[in-house]
C-alpha atoms as a PDB file:
ATOM      1  CA  MET A   1     -37.811  26.425  37.946  1.00  0.00           C
ATOM      2  CA  ALA A   2     -39.485  27.694  34.738  1.00  0.00           C
ATOM      3  CA  ALA A   3     -39.764  24.558  32.096  1.00  0.00           C
ATOM      4  CA  ALA A   4     -37.468  24.580  29.289  1.00  0.00           C
ATOM      5  CA  PRO A   5     -39.396  26.215  25.770  1.00  0.00           C
ATOM      6  CA  PRO A   6     -40.516  23.208  23.438  1.00  0.00           C
ATOM      7  CA  LEU A   7     -37.257  23.346  21.020  1.00  0.00           C
ATOM      8  CA  ARG A   8     -35.023  23.124  23.869  1.00  0.00           C
ATOM      9  CA  LYS A   9     -36.850  20.639  24.931  1.00  0.00           C
ATOM     10  CA  THR A  10     -36.840  18.342  21.637  1.00  0.00           C
ATOM     11  CA  ILE A  11     -32.991  18.711  21.433  1.00  0.00           C
ATOM     12  CA  GLU A  12     -32.153  17.477  24.534  1.00  0.00           C
ATOM     13  CA  ASP A  13     -34.453  14.909  24.427  1.00  0.00           C
ATOM     14  CA  LEU A  14     -33.190  13.749  21.204  1.00  0.00           C
ATOM     15  CA  SER A  15     -29.768  13.806  22.691  1.00  0.00           C
ATOM     16  CA  ALA A  16     -30.795  11.547  25.691  1.00  0.00           C
ATOM     17  CA  ILE A  17     -32.293   9.194  23.410  1.00  0.00           C
ATOM     18  CA  PHE A  18     -29.298   8.869  21.199  1.00  0.00           C
ATOM     19  CA  LYS A  19     -27.151   8.148  24.531  1.00  0.00           C
ATOM     20  CA  LYS A  20     -29.610   5.791  25.884  1.00  0.00           C
ATOM     21  CA  TYR A  21     -28.702   3.614  22.982  1.00  0.00           C
ATOM     22  CA  ALA A  22     -25.587   4.855  22.232  1.00  0.00           C
ATOM     23  CA  GLY A  23     -24.218   4.153  25.628  1.00  0.00           C
ATOM     24  CA  GLU A  24     -24.963   0.510  26.241  1.00  0.00           C
ATOM     25  CA  ASP A  25     -21.231  -0.417  24.737  1.00  0.00           C
ATOM     26  CA  GLY A  26     -19.612   2.623  26.736  1.00  0.00           C
ATOM     27  CA  ASN A  27     -19.212   4.893  23.581  1.00  0.00           C
ATOM     28  CA  ASP A  28     -21.995   7.266  23.462  1.00  0.00           C
ATOM     29  CA  LYS A  29     -20.495   9.008  21.006  1.00  0.00           C
ATOM     30  CA  THR A  30     -22.116   6.623  18.215  1.00  0.00           C
ATOM     31  CA  LEU A  31     -24.274   3.855  17.649  1.00  0.00           C
ATOM     32  CA  THR A  32     -23.105   0.274  16.928  1.00  0.00           C
ATOM     33  CA  LYS A  33     -25.368  -1.643  14.220  1.00  0.00           C
ATOM     34  CA  ALA A  34     -27.034  -3.532  17.577  1.00  0.00           C
ATOM     35  CA  GLU A  35     -27.579  -0.459  19.300  1.00  0.00           C
ATOM     36  CA  ALA A  36     -29.025   1.447  15.989  1.00  0.00           C
ATOM     37  CA  LYS A  37     -31.361  -1.513  15.468  1.00  0.00           C
ATOM     38  CA  LYS A  38     -32.765  -1.150  19.402  1.00  0.00           C
ATOM     39  CA  LEU A  39     -33.064   2.408  18.494  1.00  0.00           C
ATOM     40  CA  LEU A  40     -35.442   1.714  15.587  1.00  0.00           C
ATOM     41  CA  LEU A  41     -37.206  -0.901  17.263  1.00  0.00           C
ATOM     42  CA  GLY A  42     -37.543   0.928  20.132  1.00  0.00           C
ATOM     43  CA  GLU A  43     -38.535   4.729  19.014  1.00  0.00           C
ATOM     44  CA  LEU A  44     -39.444   4.235  15.517  1.00  0.00           C
ATOM     45  CA  PRO A  45     -41.315   0.594  14.990  1.00  0.00           C
ATOM     46  CA  GLU A  46     -43.972   2.013  12.829  1.00  0.00           C
ATOM     47  CA  LEU A  47     -41.389   2.791  10.446  1.00  0.00           C
ATOM     48  CA  LEU A  48     -39.881  -0.217   9.502  1.00  0.00           C
ATOM     49  CA  GLU A  49     -41.810  -2.560   6.792  1.00  0.00           C
ATOM     50  CA  ASN A  50     -41.665  -5.552   9.468  1.00  0.00           C
ATOM     51  CA  PRO A  51     -40.065  -5.546  12.661  1.00  0.00           C
ATOM     52  CA  ASN A  52     -39.947  -8.925  12.400  1.00  0.00           C
ATOM     53  CA  ASP A  53     -37.632  -9.178   9.213  1.00  0.00           C
ATOM     54  CA  ASP A  54     -33.838  -8.862  10.776  1.00  0.00           C
ATOM     55  CA  ALA A  55     -32.536  -8.759   6.759  1.00  0.00           C
ATOM     56  CA  LYS A  56     -35.003  -5.502   5.969  1.00  0.00           C
ATOM     57  CA  ILE A  57     -33.872  -3.901  10.151  1.00  0.00           C
ATOM     58  CA  ASN A  58     -30.574  -4.513   8.795  1.00  0.00           C
ATOM     59  CA  GLU A  59     -30.955  -2.804   5.753  1.00  0.00           C
ATOM     60  CA  SER A  60     -32.238   0.250   7.078  1.00  0.00           C
ATOM     61  CA  VAL A  61     -29.459   0.617   9.836  1.00  0.00           C
ATOM     62  CA  ASN A  62     -26.456   0.375   7.161  1.00  0.00           C
ATOM     63  CA  ASP A  63     -28.959   3.218   5.440  1.00  0.00           C
ATOM     64  CA  LEU A  64     -28.106   5.133   8.409  1.00  0.00           C
ATOM     65  CA  ASP A  65     -24.540   4.500   8.432  1.00  0.00           C
ATOM     66  CA  MET A  66     -24.044   7.314   5.598  1.00  0.00           C
ATOM     67  CA  ASP A  67     -20.318   7.164   5.644  1.00  0.00           C
ATOM     68  CA  GLY A  68     -19.608   3.396   5.779  1.00  0.00           C
ATOM     69  CA  ASP A  69     -17.860   3.663   8.640  1.00  0.00           C
ATOM     70  CA  GLY A  70     -19.355   0.984  10.877  1.00  0.00           C
ATOM     71  CA  VAL A  71     -21.222   3.018  13.266  1.00  0.00           C
ATOM     72  CA  VAL A  72     -23.838   6.004  13.544  1.00  0.00           C
ATOM     73  CA  ASP A  73     -22.856   9.117  14.368  1.00  0.00           C
ATOM     74  CA  PHE A  74     -25.171  11.488  15.793  1.00  0.00           C
ATOM     75  CA  MET A  75     -25.128  13.518  12.933  1.00  0.00           C
ATOM     76  CA  GLU A  76     -25.909  10.558  11.283  1.00  0.00           C
ATOM     77  CA  PHE A  77     -29.157   9.775  13.657  1.00  0.00           C
ATOM     78  CA  MET A  78     -30.091  14.065  13.257  1.00  0.00           C
ATOM     79  CA  ILE A  79     -30.368  13.406   9.404  1.00  0.00           C
ATOM     80  CA  LEU A  80     -32.925  10.404  10.152  1.00  0.00           C
ATOM     81  CA  VAL A  81     -34.658  12.810  12.432  1.00  0.00           C
ATOM     82  CA  LEU A  82     -34.729  15.618  10.019  1.00  0.00           C
ATOM     83  CA  THR A  83     -35.604  13.721   7.256  1.00  0.00           C
ATOM     84  CA  LEU A  84     -39.146  12.479   9.142  1.00  0.00           C
ATOM     85  CA  GLY A  85     -39.363  15.412  10.367  1.00  0.00           C
ATOM     86  CA  ILE A  86     -39.485  17.181   6.961  1.00  0.00           C
ATOM     87  CA  ALA A  87     -41.862  14.296   5.827  1.00  0.00           C
ATOM     88  CA  HIS A  88     -44.203  14.617   8.423  1.00  0.00           C
ATOM     89  CA  TYR A  89     -44.302  18.641   8.022  1.00  0.00           C
ATOM     90  CA  ASP A  90     -47.494  19.681   6.367  1.00  0.00           C
ATOM     91  CA  PRO A  91     -47.544  23.218   5.452  1.00  0.00           C
ATOM     92  CA  ASP A  92     -51.511  23.430   4.899  1.00  0.00           C
ATOM     93  CA  LEU A  93     -52.221  22.499   8.643  1.00  0.00           C
ATOM     94  CA  GLU A  94     -53.266  25.159  10.810  1.00  0.00           C
ATOM     95  CA  ALA A  95     -51.143  25.850  14.121  1.00  0.00           C
ATOM     96  CA  GLU A  96     -52.919  24.629  16.780  1.00  0.00           C
END
C-alpha cells in the first residue's frame, strides 16, 4: 500500500494525537483541563514558559478553552495548531 501524501498523514496524525490525550476520560471528543495539560507537556513542552510552573501551565490550558465551557474541543486544539503553524512559517525560506 502506498504511503499517504504528507498533508493527509499530518491531518491523520493531528487527529490521533488529540484522541490519544482526549480518550483518557472515555470521551475522545474533548480534552479535559488535565488532558490538555498532559498534551501540552507531552507534545509541546518547549512552548511552555516554565514546564514546572503549574500556574503557568493552567493559564495556557485556560487560554485553549476559548469558549469557556471547561474543555478543549478539536476545533480549539486545531486553532492552537494553526497558530503555531503560522508562527513557524517563514515565506523567505527556500523549499527543499
